[in-house]
Amino acid sequence: MRIIIIADYGIAEGGAPQVALASAVALAEVGHEVIFIQGIGEARGGVLDGHPGIRRLSLDGRDVWSKPVLVGARDGIWNKAAGQALRSVLAQFSGTETIVHVHQWTKFFSPSLFAAVFEAGLPLVVSLHDYFLTCPTGLMYRFDLKAPCTLTPLSVPCMLAPCDPKSLVHKAIRVLRSRAVKKVLKGRAFTALHVSEVGRASIGRYLPEGARQVVLENPIECEDHGLRAEPVSPKLVYCGRLTEEKGVLLIAKAAREAQVPSLFIGEGPMRDAILAVDPQAEITGWMDRDAVRKRIAREALALVAPSLWPETGPMVIAEALASGVPVIASARAGAAGRVEHGRTGFVIEPKEGAILSAVRELQNVPVAREMGREAYRRFWADPPGPAKHAASLGEIYAQSLAAHHRA
């Protein structure tokens, strides 16, 4: 089978491209022909370099938000040049056993990507790492109300809501992009690959009628280094973008109240707000994955993921469990399904009091130790690694190809 994987980036600059890269390697290693098409940057560097089963191509584009404002807005809504370039590339790879899998498309490709795939007559799979396929902001979250969104995407109330995290101008551009997506997908058959049940529950009913919906969790790349030792100077640890919808201020407030050190691995616009709440918080900025794993394993009392939005992931939850680190996860997060409340961590409503209560239970050393052991045991009893993920993808691709040829 020939699999064409498409993502804005060919480096692991976030969860979506990280999954795209991991699945590309795993699929190639079980014998599939893999073509990796990236929109931005040179086609070199990272895990794909030198892999004999992967052909890597770049369209040499730029992130739409790095362009002059009007040009970026135009290309964000519909990148005509990207669509034309992709058509030329896809024309090289026709055939009854070829399938296109899109992981990320909003930073370069735009909805013109989907038009190009349909015009090439190729079956399409789209991984929903976010909600941009239906929701203008991609988050199903109201920044104006600080609450999950309950509006129907692209309804009049949705389009008028001042919910964008940046500005009303950004919201208008995103609405136009979402309307373009809706138009392109209308009446088209494709496979929507949700990465969690939370994702399907959040937007499944809003997807086009022709979408075949499947749930497949992201692969988790980690090695079994054994159960971690007792943490040194136990901290509340967060890993990811420092943004409002991630609930980072809840961690800072709980850490201050419980008098527990906090460690924030990542960067983002809430950095100053975190330090204003918890001046003792350590904020590292971005770190490579191996360094992140080591710090979490060595220092975490718990990994805290208090998502305020219906987050499709995050993958760091599983990575923490793999080291034997208890997790305090928001019930709104898709990956919270990996946490067994009271056994491997706590699944909570994202509120300061709920985090504080979980922290105080974990300050009982025997409780924390047993939760860590159980987290480690359960993860490695059936690890969700790339090879297992590739096998499941192969089945999904085969079903998508069969449905495409029957149509």
Foldseek 3Di string as FASTA:
>chain_A
DEEEEEAQDCAPPDDLNVLSNLLQVLLQVVPYQYEYEHADDDFDDDDVPPDPRYHYYYVHDFFLVVDPDVSSLVQLQPNPVLLVVVLVVLLVPDDLQYAYEYRYARRGNFLSVLVSCVVSLHAYEYELQFQLLFALQRFCAACVVLARHPDGGPDPCRLPRQRHPPGNVSSNSSSSSNVSSCVSCAPHAHEYEQQFPLRCVSCVVNDHPRYHYHYHHGADDDDQPDAFDPADQAEAEEEDEPDVQQLLLLRLQLCVVLVGEYEYAAYYDCVVVSCVSHVRHHYDHHDDPVVVLVCLRHHHLAYEGQGRTLRSDDSVCLSSLLNLHAYEYEPSYRHCVLHDDQQQYHHHHNHSVVVNVRVVQSVPPVSSNRNSVRSNVVCVVDPRHSNVSNVVVVVVSVVSSVVSVVD
